[in-house]
């Protein structure tokens, strides 16, 4: 798993403490806006993967959230998420050797997939 959507996620406090200093930095560049403001949950997960944490999916978990009611609303949501997805994947690809060295659960094929 490369991203845990915010409303469906539970994290270890220790994992959050590991990445919080970098996660809480200010937005100074356009790239920062894409990663930190438009996809904050994806940015948090990118930082966790880079730090060596493994993200897991739990099929038995139940959660409820608001979902778009119309195609227009859905499209706007996806239009907002797509640039942050690309920015975070670029970040993972550019730091792939470091990520793979720090995280046994990640391979170059996993990042590429």
PDB file of N, CA and C in Angstrom:
ATOM      1  N   UNK A   1       0.861  -1.173   0.000  1.00  0.00           N
ATOM      2  CA  UNK A   1       0.000   0.000   0.000  1.00  0.00           C
ATOM      3  C   UNK A   1       0.902   1.229   0.000  1.00  0.00           C
ATOM      4  N   UNK A   2       0.608   2.190  -0.867  1.00  0.00           N
ATOM      5  CA  UNK A   2       1.405   3.412  -0.943  1.00  0.00           C
ATOM      6  C   UNK A   2       0.687   4.620  -0.357  1.00  0.00           C
ATOM      7  N   UNK A   3      -0.628   4.525  -0.146  1.00  0.00           N
ATOM      8  CA  UNK A   3      -1.360   5.644   0.438  1.00  0.00           C
ATOM      9  C   UNK A   3      -2.529   5.126   1.251  1.00  0.00           C
ATOM     10  N   UNK A   4      -2.646   5.643   2.451  1.00  0.00           N
ATOM     11  CA  UNK A   4      -3.782   5.347   3.313  1.00  0.00           C
ATOM     12  C   UNK A   4      -4.633   6.614   3.380  1.00  0.00           C
ATOM     13  N   UNK A   5      -5.819   6.594   2.770  1.00  0.00           N
ATOM     14  CA  UNK A   5      -6.666   7.789   2.804  1.00  0.00           C
ATOM     15  C   UNK A   5      -6.958   8.200   4.246  1.00  0.00           C
ATOM     16  N   UNK A   6      -6.882   9.484   4.500  1.00  0.00           N
ATOM     17  CA  UNK A   6      -6.981  10.028   5.847  1.00  0.00           C
ATOM     18  C   UNK A   6      -8.089   9.477   6.707  1.00  0.00           C
ATOM     19  N   UNK A   7      -9.306   9.457   6.190  1.00  0.00           N
ATOM     20  CA  UNK A   7     -10.446   9.044   7.023  1.00  0.00           C
ATOM     21  C   UNK A   7     -10.463   7.542   7.288  1.00  0.00           C
ATOM     22  N   UNK A   8      -9.661   6.780   6.556  1.00  0.00           N
ATOM     23  CA  UNK A   8      -9.633   5.332   6.727  1.00  0.00           C
ATOM     24  C   UNK A   8      -8.356   4.849   7.406  1.00  0.00           C
ATOM     25  N   UNK A   9      -7.617   5.734   8.033  1.00  0.00           N
ATOM     26  CA  UNK A   9      -6.276   5.383   8.497  1.00  0.00           C
ATOM     27  C   UNK A   9      -6.120   5.429  10.006  1.00  0.00           C
ATOM     28  N   UNK A  10      -5.278   4.541  10.480  1.00  0.00           N
ATOM     29  CA  UNK A  10      -4.835   4.528  11.868  1.00  0.00           C
ATOM     30  C   UNK A  10      -3.324   4.326  11.800  1.00  0.00           C
ATOM     31  N   UNK A  11      -2.589   5.167  12.522  1.00  0.00           N
ATOM     32  CA  UNK A  11      -1.127   5.097  12.479  1.00  0.00           C
ATOM     33  C   UNK A  11      -0.566   4.885  13.875  1.00  0.00           C
ATOM     34  N   UNK A  12       0.582   4.262  13.941  1.00  0.00           N
ATOM     35  CA  UNK A  12       1.302   4.141  15.205  1.00  0.00           C
ATOM     36  C   UNK A  12       1.829   5.521  15.585  1.00  0.00           C
ATOM     37  N   UNK A  13       1.725   5.867  16.851  1.00  0.00           N
ATOM     38  CA  UNK A  13       2.211   7.162  17.324  1.00  0.00           C
ATOM     39  C   UNK A  13       3.702   7.313  17.047  1.00  0.00           C
ATOM     40  N   UNK A  14       4.441   6.245  17.188  1.00  0.00           N
ATOM     41  CA  UNK A  14       5.884   6.279  16.936  1.00  0.00           C
ATOM     42  C   UNK A  14       6.176   6.604  15.471  1.00  0.00           C
ATOM     43  N   UNK A  15       5.373   6.074  14.565  1.00  0.00           N
ATOM     44  CA  UNK A  15       5.547   6.367  13.137  1.00  0.00           C
ATOM     45  C   UNK A  15       5.272   7.837  12.860  1.00  0.00           C
ATOM     46  N   UNK A  16       4.227   8.366  13.472  1.00  0.00           N
ATOM     47  CA  UNK A  16       3.915   9.788  13.290  1.00  0.00           C
ATOM     48  C   UNK A  16       5.020  10.673  13.856  1.00  0.00           C
ATOM     49  N   UNK A  17       5.541  10.301  15.014  1.00  0.00           N
ATOM     50  CA  UNK A  17       6.636  11.082  15.607  1.00  0.00           C
ATOM     51  C   UNK A  17       7.869  11.079  14.706  1.00  0.00           C
ATOM     52  N   UNK A  18       8.110   9.967  14.019  1.00  0.00           N
ATOM     53  CA  UNK A  18       9.262   9.867  13.118  1.00  0.00           C
ATOM     54  C   UNK A  18       9.192  10.870  11.969  1.00  0.00           C
ATOM     55  N   UNK A  19       7.995  11.077  11.442  1.00  0.00           N
ATOM     56  CA  UNK A  19       7.870  11.893  10.227  1.00  0.00           C
ATOM     57  C   UNK A  19       7.279  13.278  10.467  1.00  0.00           C
ATOM     58  N   UNK A  20       6.764  13.526  11.658  1.00  0.00           N
ATOM     59  CA  UNK A  20       6.093  14.798  11.928  1.00  0.00           C
ATOM     60  C   UNK A  20       6.956  16.035  11.682  1.00  0.00           C
ATOM     61  N   UNK A  21       8.241  16.045  12.055  1.00  0.00           N
ATOM     62  CA  UNK A  21       9.031  17.253  11.787  1.00  0.00           C
ATOM     63  C   UNK A  21       9.074  17.627  10.303  1.00  0.00           C
ATOM     64  N   UNK A  22       9.221  16.650   9.425  1.00  0.00           N
ATOM     65  CA  UNK A  22       9.244  16.943   7.990  1.00  0.00           C
ATOM     66  C   UNK A  22       7.836  17.216   7.460  1.00  0.00           C
ATOM     67  N   UNK A  23       6.860  16.490   7.975  1.00  0.00           N
ATOM     68  CA  UNK A  23       5.471  16.658   7.536  1.00  0.00           C
ATOM     69  C   UNK A  23       4.950  18.065   7.847  1.00  0.00           C
ATOM     70  N   UNK A  24       5.399  18.629   8.956  1.00  0.00           N
ATOM     71  CA  UNK A  24       4.883  19.919   9.430  1.00  0.00           C
ATOM     72  C   UNK A  24       5.619  21.127   8.852  1.00  0.00           C
ATOM     73  N   UNK A  25       6.531  20.912   7.914  1.00  0.00           N
ATOM     74  CA  UNK A  25       7.260  22.040   7.337  1.00  0.00           C
ATOM     75  C   UNK A  25       6.340  22.898   6.479  1.00  0.00           C
ATOM     76  N   UNK A  26       6.731  24.155   6.306  1.00  0.00           N
ATOM     77  CA  UNK A  26       5.918  25.110   5.551  1.00  0.00           C
ATOM     78  C   UNK A  26       6.033  24.882   4.051  1.00  0.00           C
ATOM     79  N   UNK A  27       5.026  25.343   3.350  1.00  0.00           N
ATOM     80  CA  UNK A  27       5.000  25.278   1.891  1.00  0.00           C
ATOM     81  C   UNK A  27       5.763  26.485   1.350  1.00  0.00           C
ATOM     82  N   UNK A  28       6.854  26.212   0.618  1.00  0.00           N
ATOM     83  CA  UNK A  28       7.675  27.282   0.060  1.00  0.00           C
ATOM     84  C   UNK A  28       7.696  27.278  -1.467  1.00  0.00           C
ATOM     85  N   UNK A  29       7.427  26.102  -2.061  1.00  0.00           N
ATOM     86  CA  UNK A  29       7.517  25.966  -3.516  1.00  0.00           C
ATOM     87  C   UNK A  29       6.234  25.327  -4.037  1.00  0.00           C
ATOM     88  N   UNK A  30       6.055  25.427  -5.358  1.00  0.00           N
ATOM     89  CA  UNK A  30       4.870  24.826  -5.979  1.00  0.00           C
ATOM     90  C   UNK A  30       4.809  23.327  -5.722  1.00  0.00           C
ATOM     91  N   UNK A  31       5.955  22.664  -5.772  1.00  0.00           N
ATOM     92  CA  UNK A  31       5.993  21.222  -5.512  1.00  0.00           C
ATOM     93  C   UNK A  31       5.502  20.923  -4.096  1.00  0.00           C
ATOM     94  N   UNK A  32       5.892  21.762  -3.155  1.00  0.00           N
ATOM     95  CA  UNK A  32       5.436  21.583  -1.771  1.00  0.00           C
ATOM     96  C   UNK A  32       3.917  21.718  -1.677  1.00  0.00           C
ATOM     97  N   UNK A  33       3.365  22.656  -2.425  1.00  0.00           N
ATOM     98  CA  UNK A  33       1.904  22.831  -2.426  1.00  0.00           C
ATOM     99  C   UNK A  33       1.222  21.560  -2.929  1.00  0.00           C
ATOM    100  N   UNK A  34       1.781  20.971  -3.981  1.00  0.00           N
ATOM    101  CA  UNK A  34       1.184  19.754  -4.534  1.00  0.00           C
ATOM    102  C   UNK A  34       1.252  18.590  -3.557  1.00  0.00           C
ATOM    103  N   UNK A  35       2.382  18.439  -2.903  1.00  0.00           N
ATOM    104  CA  UNK A  35       2.524  17.287  -2.008  1.00  0.00           C
ATOM    105  C   UNK A  35       1.870  17.521  -0.658  1.00  0.00           C
ATOM    106  N   UNK A  36       2.074  18.704  -0.095  1.00  0.00           N
ATOM    107  CA  UNK A  36       1.661  18.935   1.288  1.00  0.00           C
ATOM    108  C   UNK A  36       0.228  19.432   1.448  1.00  0.00           C
ATOM    109  N   UNK A  37      -0.231  20.260   0.553  1.00  0.00           N
ATOM    110  CA  UNK A  37      -1.569  20.844   0.712  1.00  0.00           C
ATOM    111  C   UNK A  37      -2.648  20.114  -0.081  1.00  0.00           C
ATOM    112  N   UNK A  38      -2.330  19.637  -1.260  1.00  0.00           N
ATOM    113  CA  UNK A  38      -3.356  19.004  -2.087  1.00  0.00           C
ATOM    114  C   UNK A  38      -3.493  17.513  -1.812  1.00  0.00           C
ATOM    115  N   UNK A  39      -2.520  16.930  -1.171  1.00  0.00           N
ATOM    116  CA  UNK A  39      -2.572  15.497  -0.878  1.00  0.00           C
ATOM    117  C   UNK A  39      -1.868  15.187   0.418  1.00  0.00           C
ATOM    118  N   UNK A  40      -2.346  15.787   1.487  1.00  0.00           N
ATOM    119  CA  UNK A  40      -1.654  15.661   2.769  1.00  0.00           C
ATOM    120  C   UNK A  40      -1.592  14.223   3.269  1.00  0.00           C
ATOM    121  N   UNK A  41      -2.619  13.418   3.019  1.00  0.00           N
ATOM    122  CA  UNK A  41      -2.569  12.024   3.468  1.00  0.00           C
ATOM    123  C   UNK A  41      -1.550  11.243   2.650  1.00  0.00           C
ATOM    124  N   UNK A  42      -1.483  11.514   1.371  1.00  0.00           N
ATOM    125  CA  UNK A  42      -0.494  10.847   0.515  1.00  0.00           C
ATOM    126  C   UNK A  42       0.922  11.284   0.915  1.00  0.00           C
ATOM    127  N   UNK A  43       1.111  12.561   1.240  1.00  0.00           N
ATOM    128  CA  UNK A  43       2.416  13.060   1.665  1.00  0.00           C
ATOM    129  C   UNK A  43       2.849  12.376   2.964  1.00  0.00           C
ATOM    130  N   UNK A  44       1.928  12.263   3.913  1.00  0.00           N
ATOM    131  CA  UNK A  44       2.226  11.587   5.172  1.00  0.00           C
ATOM    132  C   UNK A  44       2.667  10.146   4.910  1.00  0.00           C
ATOM    133  N   UNK A  45       1.965   9.463   4.043  1.00  0.00           N
ATOM    134  CA  UNK A  45       2.296   8.070   3.731  1.00  0.00           C
ATOM    135  C   UNK A  45       3.624   7.959   2.984  1.00  0.00           C
ATOM    136  N   UNK A  46       3.904   8.897   2.085  1.00  0.00           N
ATOM    137  CA  UNK A  46       5.194   8.915   1.392  1.00  0.00           C
ATOM    138  C   UNK A  46       6.322   9.043   2.401  1.00  0.00           C
ATOM    139  N   UNK A  47       6.173   9.948   3.356  1.00  0.00           N
ATOM    140  CA  UNK A  47       7.196  10.130   4.381  1.00  0.00           C
ATOM    141  C   UNK A  47       7.371   8.871   5.225  1.00  0.00           C
ATOM    142  N   UNK A  48       6.273   8.206   5.538  1.00  0.00           N
ATOM    143  CA  UNK A  48       6.359   6.984   6.337  1.00  0.00           C
ATOM    144  C   UNK A  48       7.082   5.873   5.578  1.00  0.00           C
ATOM    145  N   UNK A  49       6.760   5.724   4.295  1.00  0.00           N
ATOM    146  CA  UNK A  49       7.432   4.706   3.475  1.00  0.00           C
ATOM    147  C   UNK A  49       8.924   5.028   3.376  1.00  0.00           C
ATOM    148  N   UNK A  50       9.258   6.303   3.173  1.00  0.00           N
ATOM    149  CA  UNK A  50      10.666   6.702   3.097  1.00  0.00           C
ATOM    150  C   UNK A  50      11.399   6.426   4.408  1.00  0.00           C
ATOM    151  N   UNK A  51      10.695   6.540   5.516  1.00  0.00           N
ATOM    152  CA  UNK A  51      11.299   6.316   6.834  1.00  0.00           C
ATOM    153  C   UNK A  51      11.381   4.840   7.207  1.00  0.00           C
ATOM    154  N   UNK A  52      10.830   3.972   6.367  1.00  0.00           N
ATOM    155  CA  UNK A  52      10.930   2.538   6.622  1.00  0.00           C
ATOM    156  C   UNK A  52       9.685   1.889   7.192  1.00  0.00           C
ATOM    157  N   UNK A  53       8.614   2.631   7.337  1.00  0.00           N
ATOM    158  CA  UNK A  53       7.370   2.063   7.860  1.00  0.00           C
ATOM    159  C   UNK A  53       6.616   1.345   6.750  1.00  0.00           C
ATOM    160  N   UNK A  54       5.913   0.284   7.126  1.00  0.00           N
ATOM    161  CA  UNK A  54       5.102  -0.478   6.179  1.00  0.00           C
ATOM    162  C   UNK A  54       3.644  -0.084   6.353  1.00  0.00           C
ATOM    163  N   UNK A  55       2.999   0.232   5.249  1.00  0.00           N
ATOM    164  CA  UNK A  55       1.577   0.563   5.259  1.00  0.00           C
ATOM    165  C   UNK A  55       0.807  -0.696   4.887  1.00  0.00           C
ATOM    166  N   UNK A  56      -0.261  -0.971   5.601  1.00  0.00           N
ATOM    167  CA  UNK A  56      -1.023  -2.194   5.368  1.00  0.00           C
ATOM    168  C   UNK A  56      -2.489  -1.890   5.150  1.00  0.00           C
ATOM    169  N   UNK A  57      -3.135  -2.779   4.431  1.00  0.00           N
ATOM    170  CA  UNK A  57      -4.569  -2.712   4.172  1.00  0.00           C
ATOM    171  C   UNK A  57      -5.261  -3.741   5.053  1.00  0.00           C
ATOM    172  N   UNK A  58      -6.331  -3.342   5.709  1.00  0.00           N
ATOM    173  CA  UNK A  58      -7.095  -4.259   6.554  1.00  0.00           C
ATOM    174  C   UNK A  58      -8.511  -4.381   5.985  1.00  0.00           C
ATOM    175  N   UNK A  59      -8.776  -5.459   5.300  1.00  0.00           N
ATOM    176  CA  UNK A  59     -10.065  -5.653   4.640  1.00  0.00           C
ATOM    177  C   UNK A  59     -11.228  -5.730   5.630  1.00  0.00           C
ATOM    178  N   UNK A  60     -10.960  -6.145   6.841  1.00  0.00           N
ATOM    179  CA  UNK A  60     -12.030  -6.314   7.821  1.00  0.00           C
ATOM    180  C   UNK A  60     -12.421  -5.004   8.513  1.00  0.00           C
ATOM    181  N   UNK A  61     -11.676  -3.951   8.273  1.00  0.00           N
ATOM    182  CA  UNK A  61     -11.961  -2.675   8.940  1.00  0.00           C
ATOM    183  C   UNK A  61     -13.211  -2.019   8.358  1.00  0.00           C
ATOM    184  N   UNK A  62     -13.967  -1.343   9.207  1.00  0.00           N
ATOM    185  CA  UNK A  62     -15.142  -0.586   8.785  1.00  0.00           C
ATOM    186  C   UNK A  62     -14.901   0.899   9.042  1.00  0.00           C
ATOM    187  N   UNK A  63     -15.302   1.710   8.093  1.00  0.00           N
ATOM    188  CA  UNK A  63     -15.179   3.155   8.241  1.00  0.00           C
ATOM    189  C   UNK A  63     -16.242   3.810   7.383  1.00  0.00           C
ATOM    190  N   UNK A  64     -16.614   5.003   7.764  1.00  0.00           N
ATOM    191  CA  UNK A  64     -17.626   5.740   7.010  1.00  0.00           C
ATOM    192  C   UNK A  64     -17.092   7.132   6.707  1.00  0.00           C
ATOM    193  N   UNK A  65     -17.409   7.628   5.534  1.00  0.00           N
ATOM    194  CA  UNK A  65     -16.939   8.947   5.130  1.00  0.00           C
ATOM    195  C   UNK A  65     -17.915   9.552   4.134  1.00  0.00           C
ATOM    196  N   UNK A  66     -17.730  10.795   3.846  1.00  0.00           N
ATOM    197  CA  UNK A  66     -18.525  11.488   2.838  1.00  0.00           C
ATOM    198  C   UNK A  66     -17.946  11.175   1.462  1.00  0.00           C
ATOM    199  N   UNK A  67     -18.791  10.849   0.522  1.00  0.00           N
ATOM    200  CA  UNK A  67     -18.381  10.590  -0.854  1.00  0.00           C
ATOM    201  C   UNK A  67     -19.103  11.573  -1.776  1.00  0.00           C
ATOM    202  N   UNK A  68     -18.475  11.921  -2.894  1.00  0.00           N
ATOM    203  CA  UNK A  68     -19.132  12.833  -3.837  1.00  0.00           C
ATOM    204  C   UNK A  68     -20.486  12.287  -4.288  1.00  0.00           C
ATOM    205  N   UNK A  69     -21.465  13.186  -4.375  1.00  0.00           N
ATOM    206  CA  UNK A  69     -22.812  12.798  -4.792  1.00  0.00           C
ATOM    207  C   UNK A  69     -23.026  12.916  -6.299  1.00  0.00           C
ATOM    208  N   UNK A  70     -22.194  13.708  -6.947  1.00  0.00           N
ATOM    209  CA  UNK A  70     -22.388  13.928  -8.382  1.00  0.00           C
ATOM    210  C   UNK A  70     -21.073  13.706  -9.119  1.00  0.00           C
ATOM    211  N   UNK A  71     -21.188  13.523 -10.417  1.00  0.00           N
ATOM    212  CA  UNK A  71     -19.985  13.346 -11.220  1.00  0.00           C
ATOM    213  C   UNK A  71     -19.120  14.600 -11.171  1.00  0.00           C
ATOM    214  N   UNK A  72     -19.738  15.776 -11.189  1.00  0.00           N
ATOM    215  CA  UNK A  72     -18.993  17.035 -11.158  1.00  0.00           C
ATOM    216  C   UNK A  72     -18.147  17.127  -9.885  1.00  0.00           C
ATOM    217  N   UNK A  73     -18.741  16.784  -8.766  1.00  0.00           N
ATOM    218  CA  UNK A  73     -18.024  16.815  -7.500  1.00  0.00           C
ATOM    219  C   UNK A  73     -16.906  15.766  -7.478  1.00  0.00           C
ATOM    220  N   UNK A  74     -17.189  14.588  -8.008  1.00  0.00           N
ATOM    221  CA  UNK A  74     -16.194  13.519  -8.100  1.00  0.00           C
ATOM    222  C   UNK A  74     -15.020  13.953  -8.985  1.00  0.00           C
ATOM    223  N   UNK A  75     -15.322  14.569 -10.120  1.00  0.00           N
ATOM    224  CA  UNK A  75     -14.298  15.032 -11.042  1.00  0.00           C
ATOM    225  C   UNK A  75     -13.403  16.085 -10.384  1.00  0.00           C
ATOM    226  N   UNK A  76     -14.001  17.010  -9.663  1.00  0.00           N
ATOM    227  CA  UNK A  76     -13.214  18.044  -8.975  1.00  0.00           C
ATOM    228  C   UNK A  76     -12.297  17.424  -7.921  1.00  0.00           C
ATOM    229  N   UNK A  77     -12.798  16.415  -7.232  1.00  0.00           N
ATOM    230  CA  UNK A  77     -11.987  15.719  -6.233  1.00  0.00           C
ATOM    231  C   UNK A  77     -10.792  15.051  -6.909  1.00  0.00           C
ATOM    232  N   UNK A  78     -11.029  14.336  -7.979  1.00  0.00           N
ATOM    233  CA  UNK A  78      -9.951  13.638  -8.687  1.00  0.00           C
ATOM    234  C   UNK A  78      -8.978  14.614  -9.326  1.00  0.00           C
ATOM    235  N   UNK A  79      -9.495  15.726  -9.819  1.00  0.00           N
ATOM    236  CA  UNK A  79      -8.633  16.743 -10.423  1.00  0.00           C
ATOM    237  C   UNK A  79      -7.698  17.326  -9.373  1.00  0.00           C
ATOM    238  N   UNK A  80      -8.149  17.416  -8.150  1.00  0.00           N
ATOM    239  CA  UNK A  80      -7.314  17.908  -7.060  1.00  0.00           C
ATOM    240  C   UNK A  80      -6.298  16.849  -6.629  1.00  0.00           C
ATOM    241  N   UNK A  81      -6.711  15.590  -6.627  1.00  0.00           N
ATOM    242  CA  UNK A  81      -5.834  14.531  -6.146  1.00  0.00           C
ATOM    243  C   UNK A  81      -4.764  14.111  -7.150  1.00  0.00           C
ATOM    244  N   UNK A  82      -5.051  14.185  -8.434  1.00  0.00           N
ATOM    245  CA  UNK A  82      -4.107  13.692  -9.445  1.00  0.00           C
ATOM    246  C   UNK A  82      -2.746  14.383  -9.380  1.00  0.00           C
ATOM    247  N   UNK A  83      -2.671  15.717  -9.321  1.00  0.00           N
ATOM    248  CA  UNK A  83      -1.337  16.336  -9.239  1.00  0.00           C
ATOM    249  C   UNK A  83      -0.552  15.920  -7.993  1.00  0.00           C
ATOM    250  N   UNK A  84      -1.236  15.762  -6.868  1.00  0.00           N
ATOM    251  CA  UNK A  84      -0.520  15.353  -5.658  1.00  0.00           C
ATOM    252  C   UNK A  84      -0.041  13.906  -5.780  1.00  0.00           C
ATOM    253  N   UNK A  85      -0.813  13.071  -6.425  1.00  0.00           N
ATOM    254  CA  UNK A  85      -0.398  11.680  -6.657  1.00  0.00           C
ATOM    255  C   UNK A  85       0.873  11.651  -7.494  1.00  0.00           C
ATOM    256  N   UNK A  86       0.890  12.411  -8.566  1.00  0.00           N
ATOM    257  CA  UNK A  86       2.059  12.454  -9.445  1.00  0.00           C
ATOM    258  C   UNK A  86       3.261  13.029  -8.700  1.00  0.00           C
ATOM    259  N   UNK A  87       3.052  14.094  -7.929  1.00  0.00           N
ATOM    260  CA  UNK A  87       4.154  14.712  -7.181  1.00  0.00           C
ATOM    261  C   UNK A  87       4.741  13.743  -6.160  1.00  0.00           C
ATOM    262  N   UNK A  88       3.896  13.007  -5.463  1.00  0.00           N
ATOM    263  CA  UNK A  88       4.400  12.057  -4.470  1.00  0.00           C
ATOM    264  C   UNK A  88       5.064  10.853  -5.112  1.00  0.00           C
ATOM    265  N   UNK A  89       4.541  10.388  -6.228  1.00  0.00           N
ATOM    266  CA  UNK A  89       5.202   9.281  -6.939  1.00  0.00           C
ATOM    267  C   UNK A  89       6.555   9.714  -7.477  1.00  0.00           C
ATOM    268  N   UNK A  90       6.640  10.950  -7.946  1.00  0.00           N
ATOM    269  CA  UNK A  90       7.930  11.487  -8.389  1.00  0.00           C
ATOM    270  C   UNK A  90       8.909  11.525  -7.229  1.00  0.00           C
ATOM    271  N   UNK A  91       8.436  11.965  -6.076  1.00  0.00           N
ATOM    272  CA  UNK A  91       9.279  11.991  -4.875  1.00  0.00           C
ATOM    273  C   UNK A  91       9.781  10.592  -4.528  1.00  0.00           C
ATOM    274  N   UNK A  92       8.903   9.600  -4.594  1.00  0.00           N
ATOM    275  CA  UNK A  92       9.311   8.226  -4.297  1.00  0.00           C
ATOM    276  C   UNK A  92      10.292   7.696  -5.334  1.00  0.00           C
ATOM    277  N   UNK A  93      10.065   8.018  -6.596  1.00  0.00           N
ATOM    278  CA  UNK A  93      10.965   7.544  -7.652  1.00  0.00           C
ATOM    279  C   UNK A  93      12.346   8.177  -7.536  1.00  0.00           C
ATOM    280  N   UNK A  94      12.404   9.456  -7.201  1.00  0.00           N
ATOM    281  CA  UNK A  94      13.703  10.125  -7.094  1.00  0.00           C
ATOM    282  C   UNK A  94      14.471   9.696  -5.850  1.00  0.00           C
ATOM    283  N   UNK A  95      13.771   9.177  -4.860  1.00  0.00           N
ATOM    284  CA  UNK A  95      14.437   8.695  -3.646  1.00  0.00           C
ATOM    285  C   UNK A  95      14.369   7.168  -3.540  1.00  0.00           C
ATOM    286  N   UNK A  96      14.086   6.494  -4.658  1.00  0.00           N
ATOM    287  CA  UNK A  96      13.880   5.038  -4.657  1.00  0.00           C
ATOM    288  C   UNK A  96      15.026   4.258  -4.023  1.00  0.00           C
ATOM    289  N   UNK A  97      16.282   4.526  -4.358  1.00  0.00           N
ATOM    290  CA  UNK A  97      17.352   3.731  -3.724  1.00  0.00           C
ATOM    291  C   UNK A  97      17.341   3.848  -2.192  1.00  0.00           C
ATOM    292  N   UNK A  98      17.119   5.048  -1.696  1.00  0.00           N
ATOM    293  CA  UNK A  98      17.056   5.272  -0.242  1.00  0.00           C
ATOM    294  C   UNK A  98      15.833   4.575   0.361  1.00  0.00           C
ATOM    295  N   UNK A  99      14.691   4.686  -0.309  1.00  0.00           N
ATOM    296  CA  UNK A  99      13.457   4.063   0.180  1.00  0.00           C
ATOM    297  C   UNK A  99      13.619   2.547   0.252  1.00  0.00           C
ATOM    298  N   UNK A 100      14.169   1.962  -0.796  1.00  0.00           N
ATOM    299  CA  UNK A 100      14.348   0.504  -0.844  1.00  0.00           C
ATOM    300  C   UNK A 100      15.335   0.047   0.229  1.00  0.00           C
ATOM    301  N   UNK A 101      16.367   0.838   0.469  1.00  0.00           N
ATOM    302  CA  UNK A 101      17.338   0.490   1.511  1.00  0.00           C
ATOM    303  C   UNK A 101      16.723   0.580   2.909  1.00  0.00           C
ATOM    304  N   UNK A 102      15.821   1.537   3.124  1.00  0.00           N
ATOM    305  CA  UNK A 102      15.212   1.741   4.448  1.00  0.00           C
ATOM    306  C   UNK A 102      13.995   0.869   4.701  1.00  0.00           C
ATOM    307  N   UNK A 103      13.394   0.330   3.648  1.00  0.00           N
ATOM    308  CA  UNK A 103      12.094  -0.318   3.796  1.00  0.00           C
ATOM    309  C   UNK A 103      12.090  -1.672   3.108  1.00  0.00           C
ATOM    310  N   UNK A 104      12.070  -2.727   3.883  1.00  0.00           N
ATOM    311  CA  UNK A 104      12.069  -4.085   3.334  1.00  0.00           C
ATOM    312  C   UNK A 104      10.786  -4.413   2.574  1.00  0.00           C
ATOM    313  N   UNK A 105       9.718  -3.661   2.832  1.00  0.00           N
ATOM    314  CA  UNK A 105       8.425  -3.937   2.188  1.00  0.00           C
ATOM    315  C   UNK A 105       8.291  -3.282   0.817  1.00  0.00           C
ATOM    316  N   UNK A 106       9.321  -2.543   0.367  1.00  0.00           N
ATOM    317  CA  UNK A 106       9.243  -1.797  -0.890  1.00  0.00           C
ATOM    318  C   UNK A 106      10.353  -2.228  -1.826  1.00  0.00           C
ATOM    319  N   UNK A 107       9.983  -2.435  -3.093  1.00  0.00           N
ATOM    320  CA  UNK A 107      10.961  -2.730  -4.149  1.00  0.00           C
ATOM    321  C   UNK A 107      10.736  -1.759  -5.290  1.00  0.00           C
ATOM    322  N   UNK A 108      11.629  -1.732  -6.240  1.00  0.00           N
ATOM    323  CA  UNK A 108      11.478  -0.856  -7.387  1.00  0.00           C
ATOM    324  C   UNK A 108      10.226  -1.255  -8.189  1.00  0.00           C
ATOM    325  N   UNK A 109       9.927  -2.525  -8.249  1.00  0.00           N
ATOM    326  CA  UNK A 109       8.720  -2.977  -8.941  1.00  0.00           C
ATOM    327  C   UNK A 109       7.470  -2.505  -8.211  1.00  0.00           C
ATOM    328  N   UNK A 110       7.524  -2.494  -6.887  1.00  0.00           N
ATOM    329  CA  UNK A 110       6.394  -2.024  -6.088  1.00  0.00           C
ATOM    330  C   UNK A 110       6.139  -0.540  -6.341  1.00  0.00           C
ATOM    331  N   UNK A 111       7.205   0.259  -6.379  1.00  0.00           N
ATOM    332  CA  UNK A 111       7.058   1.690  -6.656  1.00  0.00           C
ATOM    333  C   UNK A 111       6.532   1.908  -8.068  1.00  0.00           C
ATOM    334  N   UNK A 112       7.061   1.161  -9.024  1.00  0.00           N
ATOM    335  CA  UNK A 112       6.641   1.315 -10.421  1.00  0.00           C
ATOM    336  C   UNK A 112       5.187   0.904 -10.628  1.00  0.00           C
ATOM    337  N   UNK A 113       4.731  -0.080  -9.868  1.00  0.00           N
ATOM    338  CA  UNK A 113       3.355  -0.558 -10.022  1.00  0.00           C
ATOM    339  C   UNK A 113       2.385   0.514  -9.584  1.00  0.00           C
TER     340      UNK A 113
END
